[in-house]
Protein backbone atom coordinates (compact mmCIF):
# COMPACT_ATOMS: atom_id res chain seq x y z
CA UNK A 1 -84.97 9.68 236.75
CA UNK A 2 -81.94 8.56 239.16
CA UNK A 3 -80.06 12.09 240.11
CA UNK A 4 -77.78 10.25 242.27
CA UNK A 5 -75.92 8.16 239.16
CA UNK A 6 -76.29 11.11 236.87
CA UNK A 7 -74.45 13.32 239.75
CA UNK A 8 -71.94 10.94 239.85
CA UNK A 9 -71.65 10.26 236.05
CA UNK A 10 -71.43 13.68 235.26
CA UNK A 11 -68.64 14.38 237.91
CA UNK A 12 -66.37 11.99 236.31
CA UNK A 13 -67.14 13.01 233.11
CA UNK A 14 -65.68 16.48 233.93
CA UNK A 15 -62.45 14.85 235.12
CA UNK A 16 -61.84 12.96 231.93
CA UNK A 17 -63.22 15.87 229.05
CA UNK A 18 -60.61 18.08 227.35
CA UNK A 19 -60.71 21.74 228.89
CA UNK A 20 -61.38 23.17 225.18
CA UNK A 21 -64.59 20.61 224.99
CA UNK A 22 -67.03 23.60 225.77
CA UNK A 23 -70.45 22.18 224.64
CA UNK A 24 -70.03 18.89 226.51
CA UNK A 25 -68.46 20.67 229.48
CA UNK A 26 -71.36 23.15 229.62
CA UNK A 27 -74.25 20.27 229.29
CA UNK A 28 -72.26 18.26 232.17
CA UNK A 29 -72.60 21.64 234.40
CA UNK A 30 -76.02 22.04 233.50
CA UNK A 31 -76.59 18.31 234.42
CA UNK A 32 -75.12 18.69 237.99
CA UNK A 33 -77.06 21.52 238.45
CA UNK A 34 -80.13 19.40 237.18
CA UNK A 35 -79.20 16.56 239.31
CA UNK A 36 -78.97 18.55 242.48
CA UNK A 37 -82.24 20.50 242.09
CA UNK A 38 -83.99 16.75 241.26
CA UNK A 39 -82.71 15.47 244.83
CA UNK A 40 -84.30 18.64 246.25
CA UNK A 41 -81.04 20.05 246.87
CA UNK A 42 -82.28 23.40 245.19
CA UNK A 43 -79.55 25.09 247.50
CA UNK A 44 -76.93 22.99 246.27
CA UNK A 45 -77.57 23.41 242.59
CA UNK A 46 -77.37 27.80 243.11
CA UNK A 47 -74.41 27.45 245.09
CA UNK A 48 -72.67 25.28 242.46
CA UNK A 49 -73.81 27.13 239.54
CA UNK A 50 -73.01 30.46 241.14
CA UNK A 51 -69.43 29.03 241.62
CA UNK A 52 -69.26 27.96 238.08
CA UNK A 53 -70.37 31.59 236.58
CA UNK A 54 -68.17 33.12 238.76
CA UNK A 55 -65.01 31.16 237.47
CA UNK A 56 -65.97 30.84 233.81
CA UNK A 57 -64.55 33.85 231.66
CA UNK A 58 -67.99 35.20 229.29
CA UNK A 59 -66.36 34.78 226.21
CA UNK A 60 -66.51 31.00 226.14
CA UNK A 61 -69.94 29.41 224.91
CA UNK A 62 -70.19 26.79 228.06
CA UNK A 63 -70.86 30.45 229.86
CA UNK A 64 -73.90 30.81 227.72
CA UNK A 65 -74.88 27.39 229.02
CA UNK A 66 -74.45 28.06 232.45
CA UNK A 67 -76.79 31.38 231.75
CA UNK A 68 -79.37 28.68 230.17
CA UNK A 69 -79.12 26.85 233.72
CA UNK A 70 -79.85 30.03 235.53
CA UNK A 71 -82.82 30.60 233.48
CA UNK A 72 -84.36 27.25 234.05
CA UNK A 73 -83.79 27.54 237.58
CA UNK A 74 -85.34 31.02 238.20
CA UNK A 75 -88.39 29.39 235.77
CA UNK A 76 -88.62 26.75 238.11
CA UNK A 77 -88.55 29.19 241.51
CA UNK A 78 -91.20 31.37 239.30
CA UNK A 79 -88.85 33.98 239.43
CA UNK A 80 -89.84 35.90 236.95
CA UNK A 81 -87.77 39.19 237.44
CA UNK A 82 -84.65 37.36 237.86
CA UNK A 83 -85.57 34.95 235.24
CA UNK A 84 -85.76 38.11 232.48
CA UNK A 85 -82.46 39.21 233.78
CA UNK A 86 -80.92 36.27 233.08
CA UNK A 87 -82.58 35.61 229.86
CA UNK A 88 -81.63 38.81 228.71
CA UNK A 89 -77.90 38.51 229.48
CA UNK A 90 -78.28 34.86 227.91
CA UNK A 91 -79.69 36.82 224.77
CA UNK A 92 -76.80 39.42 224.30
CA UNK A 93 -73.95 36.77 225.17
CA UNK A 94 -75.29 34.10 222.54
CA UNK A 95 -75.38 36.78 220.12
CA UNK A 96 -71.87 37.87 220.80
CA UNK A 97 -70.78 34.38 220.61
CA UNK A 98 -72.90 33.35 217.56
CA UNK A 99 -74.77 30.67 219.26
CA UNK A 100 -78.09 30.68 217.42
CA UNK A 101 -79.34 27.82 219.66
CA UNK A 102 -78.83 29.58 222.93
CA UNK A 103 -80.55 32.65 221.16
CA UNK A 104 -83.57 31.02 220.67
CA UNK A 105 -83.81 29.71 224.03
CA UNK A 106 -83.31 33.08 225.48
CA UNK A 107 -86.24 34.80 223.47
CA UNK A 108 -88.35 31.72 224.49
CA UNK A 109 -87.37 32.46 228.05
CA UNK A 110 -87.98 36.53 227.62
CA UNK A 111 -91.39 35.71 225.98
CA UNK A 112 -92.59 33.21 228.56
CA UNK A 113 -92.12 36.34 230.91
CA UNK A 114 -94.09 38.41 228.59
CA UNK A 115 -96.80 36.24 228.54
CA UNK A 116 -96.78 35.75 232.37
CA UNK A 117 -96.94 39.63 232.85
CA UNK A 118 -99.86 39.58 229.76
CA UNK A 119 -97.57 41.64 227.57
CA UNK A 120 -99.05 39.63 224.57
CA UNK A 121 -97.55 41.38 221.89
CA UNK A 122 -94.22 41.50 223.35
CA UNK A 123 -94.31 38.03 224.12
CA UNK A 124 -95.81 37.04 220.41
CA UNK A 125 -92.54 38.77 219.03
CA UNK A 126 -90.22 36.98 221.28
CA UNK A 127 -91.95 33.66 220.80
CA UNK A 128 -92.33 34.24 217.03
CA UNK A 129 -88.44 34.53 216.92
CA UNK A 130 -87.90 31.44 218.64
CA UNK A 131 -89.87 29.35 216.86
CA UNK A 132 -88.52 30.57 213.58
CA UNK A 133 -85.30 28.87 214.71
CA UNK A 134 -86.55 25.64 214.34
CA UNK A 135 -83.49 23.85 212.97
CA UNK A 136 -81.18 25.45 215.63
CA UNK A 137 -83.56 25.43 218.68
CA UNK A 138 -83.58 21.88 220.66
CA UNK A 139 -87.09 20.59 219.72
CA UNK A 140 -88.27 19.75 223.25
CA UNK A 141 -87.95 23.53 223.81
CA UNK A 142 -88.92 24.63 220.23
CA UNK A 143 -92.19 22.57 220.79
CA UNK A 144 -92.60 24.69 223.91
CA UNK A 145 -92.27 28.12 222.42
CA UNK A 146 -94.40 27.34 219.64
CA UNK A 147 -97.25 26.29 222.09
CA UNK A 148 -96.92 29.00 224.16
CA UNK A 149 -96.92 31.31 220.99
CA UNK A 150 -100.14 29.40 220.39
CA UNK A 151 -101.63 30.32 223.63
CA UNK A 152 -100.42 34.30 223.06
CA UNK A 153 -102.21 34.11 219.69
CA UNK A 154 -105.43 32.63 221.40
CA UNK A 155 -104.84 35.32 223.94
CA UNK A 156 -104.87 37.72 221.40
CA UNK A 157 -108.31 36.91 219.68
CA UNK A 158 -106.62 35.10 216.68
CA UNK A 159 -107.81 31.49 217.43
CA UNK A 160 -107.38 30.53 213.94
CA UNK A 161 -103.80 31.29 213.82
CA UNK A 162 -103.06 29.54 217.09
CA UNK A 163 -104.44 26.25 215.80
CA UNK A 164 -102.37 26.75 212.52
CA UNK A 165 -99.32 27.37 214.72
CA UNK A 166 -99.68 24.22 217.16
CA UNK A 167 -100.72 22.28 213.39
CA UNK A 168 -97.41 23.40 212.09
CA UNK A 169 -95.30 22.19 215.12
CA UNK A 170 -97.17 18.41 215.31
CA UNK A 171 -96.65 18.35 211.89
CA UNK A 172 -92.58 19.62 212.11
CA UNK A 173 -92.04 17.55 215.03
CA UNK A 174 -93.65 14.05 213.02
CA UNK A 175 -91.39 15.26 209.93
CA UNK A 176 -88.33 14.88 212.89
CA UNK A 177 -89.98 11.54 214.06
CA UNK A 178 -90.02 13.41 217.67
CA UNK A 179 -92.80 11.07 218.58
CA UNK A 180 -92.32 11.59 222.23
CA UNK A 181 -92.69 15.14 222.16
CA UNK A 182 -96.22 15.00 220.96
CA UNK A 183 -98.10 14.58 223.88
CA UNK A 184 -96.64 18.12 225.05
CA UNK A 185 -98.67 19.43 221.63
CA UNK A 186 -101.52 17.64 222.55
CA UNK A 187 -101.70 19.29 225.82
CA UNK A 188 -101.71 22.46 224.72
CA UNK A 189 -104.52 21.51 221.90
CA UNK A 190 -106.32 20.42 224.92
CA UNK A 191 -105.89 23.73 226.80
CA UNK A 192 -106.84 25.62 223.53
CA UNK A 193 -110.11 23.29 223.30
CA UNK A 194 -110.95 24.04 226.98
CA UNK A 195 -110.23 28.00 226.70
CA UNK A 196 -112.36 28.12 223.89
CA UNK A 197 -115.20 25.86 225.39
CA UNK A 198 -114.72 22.50 223.68
CA UNK A 199 -115.80 20.27 226.90
CA UNK A 200 -116.37 17.20 225.17
CA UNK A 201 -113.18 16.99 223.36
CA UNK A 202 -110.91 18.09 226.50
CA UNK A 203 -112.75 15.27 228.47
CA UNK A 204 -112.19 12.70 225.73
CA UNK A 205 -108.23 13.59 225.71
CA UNK A 206 -107.82 13.96 229.26
CA UNK A 207 -109.52 10.26 229.99
CA UNK A 208 -107.15 8.86 227.04
CA UNK A 209 -104.13 10.90 227.46
CA UNK A 210 -100.84 9.16 228.60
CA UNK A 211 -98.16 12.01 230.00
CA UNK A 212 -94.75 10.82 230.23
CA UNK A 213 -93.13 10.26 233.50
CA UNK A 214 -93.02 13.15 236.07
CA UNK A 215 -89.09 13.55 236.57
CA UNK A 216 -88.32 17.10 235.28
CA UNK A 217 -90.98 18.81 233.59
CA UNK A 218 -89.81 22.27 232.52
CA UNK A 219 -92.87 22.85 230.32
CA UNK A 220 -95.19 25.66 230.58
CA UNK A 221 -98.17 23.52 230.54
CA UNK A 222 -97.59 20.24 232.43
CA UNK A 223 -100.19 17.77 230.62
CA UNK A 224 -101.03 16.51 234.06
CA UNK A 225 -102.37 20.02 234.83
CA UNK A 226 -104.23 20.24 231.74
CA UNK A 227 -106.01 17.04 232.10
CA UNK A 228 -106.74 18.36 235.81
CA UNK A 229 -108.27 21.26 234.46
CA UNK A 230 -110.34 18.96 231.73
CA UNK A 231 -111.85 17.09 234.74
CA UNK A 232 -112.41 19.99 236.75
CA UNK A 233 -114.56 21.74 233.84
CA UNK A 234 -117.01 18.62 233.77
CA UNK A 235 -120.00 17.87 235.86
CA UNK A 236 -119.41 14.34 236.33
CA UNK A 237 -118.27 12.99 239.78
CA UNK A 238 -116.08 10.45 238.50
CA UNK A 239 -114.02 13.51 236.52
CA UNK A 240 -113.77 15.31 239.92
CA UNK A 241 -112.32 11.97 241.48
CA UNK A 242 -109.70 11.93 238.77
CA UNK A 243 -108.92 15.63 239.12
CA UNK A 244 -108.15 15.00 242.57
CA UNK A 245 -105.98 12.04 241.93
CA UNK A 246 -103.97 14.11 239.65
CA UNK A 247 -103.68 17.00 242.14
CA UNK A 248 -102.01 14.35 244.53
CA UNK A 249 -99.52 13.18 241.63
CA UNK A 250 -98.36 16.51 241.11
CA UNK A 251 -98.15 17.72 245.09
CA UNK A 252 -95.93 14.55 245.89
CA UNK A 253 -93.66 15.51 242.90
CA UNK A 254 -93.30 18.79 243.85
CA UNK A 255 -92.46 17.89 247.67
CA UNK A 256 -89.19 15.93 245.96
CA UNK A 257 -88.32 18.16 243.40
CA UNK A 258 -88.26 21.81 244.11
CA UNK A 259 -90.89 23.41 241.51
CA UNK A 260 -92.25 26.40 243.06
CA UNK A 261 -94.23 27.63 239.56
CA UNK A 262 -95.79 24.24 239.09
CA UNK A 263 -96.90 24.28 242.87
CA UNK A 264 -98.64 27.50 242.58
CA UNK A 265 -100.48 25.97 239.72
CA UNK A 266 -101.46 22.85 241.42
CA UNK A 267 -102.56 24.83 244.49
CA UNK A 268 -104.74 26.78 242.43
CA UNK A 269 -106.34 23.56 241.01
CA UNK A 270 -106.79 22.24 244.50
CA UNK A 271 -108.53 25.18 245.95
CA UNK A 272 -111.06 25.16 242.68
CA UNK A 273 -111.64 21.60 243.65
CA UNK A 274 -112.26 22.06 247.36
CA UNK A 275 -114.86 24.76 246.31
CA UNK A 276 -116.35 22.26 243.99
CA UNK A 277 -116.60 19.97 246.80
CA UNK A 278 -117.98 22.30 249.03
CA UNK A 279 -114.98 22.22 251.52
CA UNK A 280 -114.41 26.25 251.52
């Protein structure tokens, strides 16, 4: 959560890493982009990334990592058109260079676009391919792919399959000792409960949920948003107060760190809260 130190450390790393350290250099470039973004420097982040993409040969693995960074930024910008372009380019490059982890992430992003556009069958195909790469994909992103696959299955009218998908994800993360990621899976479970009308269950979850700090939320479902939706679905005045507090926290974060996608969801919930409180 300290982008200044992160930026300084990664710039130094690039001066000492060997030129052929593609993996580490790619992570450093991605981290520099993220640091600029977290500082509120969206334009600086894009300028740095565009420069690196222009200077990096496309046959090097580091190029695929730069395409990952571009996809992440388009996602945060809520630019689905360019996200799809970047993700498809990443898919092609990762297949050419035999990079299964990059390929899985590309399919996750493509599936995300299809889900957002309500192309549910296409979304399920891509997300199923991403989750099948559970031993290649980074666990944080794999958990998001599994969660979104569950939401897609629910939207297609297969709630039991959605629950099986989430249960499998939970078991796999426990098996890999990825305990810190489990709250994200819990948020997807709560969202399924909300969509299926289990209001008592989601209220219990929302009251006791302890999401991690808001530093760099790339999730399709930010747990605080799910909490706010859960409280919004209740009738108690105290739940409305809780939802207002969560919206204020998320708004403040979006003021510090540009995230148009998250901000749009926050403002939608804020509008519903205003209607509930008679402010519209």
